[in-house]
Amino acid sequence: MRRRPLNVDLRGSPAATLERPEVPRRRAARSLRIVLLSRRPNLYTARRFREEAAARGHRLSVLDPLQCYLAVERSRPRMWYQGRELSHVDVVLPRIGPSISGYGLAVVNQFELMGVPLVNSFQAIARARDKLLSLQLLSQHGIAVPKTVVARNPSHVQQSLTEVGGPPVVLKLLHGTHGVGVMLADSQHAVESTLDTLWSLGQNILIQEFVAESRGRDIRALVIGGRVAAAMRRQARIGEFRSNIHRGGEGSAIDLDPRYAQAAVEATRVMGLDIAGVDMLESGSGPKVIEINASPGFEGLERATGLDVAGLILGHAEERTAGALVPTGS
């Protein structure tokens, strides 16, 4: 196995090594019974997990969280899927989308209560789902984030714009993914009209500084088990300021600057996540964390870097279940 180390000093800890491992496909010494929680079994990530699990000798099932039903009783949490009780699961990979956060998180928590190891815990996923809470936690621990204001009164708009140095400003829904619900407003009138519409729909909105030097691009770092496993720079298509791959952006592999690696690892630690996609802007003062994704897609990252990201994640799952493995063939 070849590794490319990045030596950085993490806050409050001795020097640590962040590595970009290149992991060949290998059959694991033991077989795992893996549950992938996902409503979309044909997505690229689900297909890759199935392929890699089979190559390693594991048994992976894709379960729709909305088809799970739970029994909550004293000292005996149980769960069923399509009429069959789920009693022999070695590890769970949660892929909980924002549209089913409430029930999906309840299913994740039930597995946790049942003593099943999870790659990302219920509480960590819940924290990452809330953009405002995430920013509050990150800023509390000294991690740089864009200047952000949350307001619900039209009379607060002008002062909010002053606080974040705009317009232009970025407006974000508190819950969203793949760049959905992220807007660029270049005037106070545009901000007011957008907020008025969204407030009338009961939405809470983040008003965030626009980092001009990073317009149309950002960095996605994938952190697995306390290390940066892969990183890419994403560039938006012409005429678009959002760099998300799902919005037509393109990714290219990078050797991550140690400052950005440190920010990504520390942000993931603060959120309590085992695995996270950390998105950062390249500002004149260094990295600014804009979002942490607890269920990061990795199609663009695999294509950009050539790394076996599915294998890296499953390798971490194998480590998480060291005490609950079943011999191959049993």
Foldseek 3Di string as FASTA:
>chain_A
DDWDWDWDQFPPDGIDTFIADFDDQAAAQFEFEEEEADPDCPDPLNVLLCVSNVSNQYHYDYAHLVQKDWDDDPPDTWIDGPHHTDDGHAEYEYDDAPVCLPSSLVSQVSCVSSVHHYQWHSQLQVQQQFQVSLVVLCVVVPFAAFQKDWDLDLVCLVVRQVRRVDPQWWKAWRGDDLCPRIDTDHDSVSVSVVSVVQVVVVTIMMTGHDQVVQFQKKKKFKAAQLHGNFIWIWGHDPPDRDRGVSNVIAIAGDDDDNQVRNSVSVSCVSSVGRIWIWIWGQHPVGTHTNHIHNNDDCPRGCVRPVGSVSNVNVVSSCVSRVPPTDGRPD
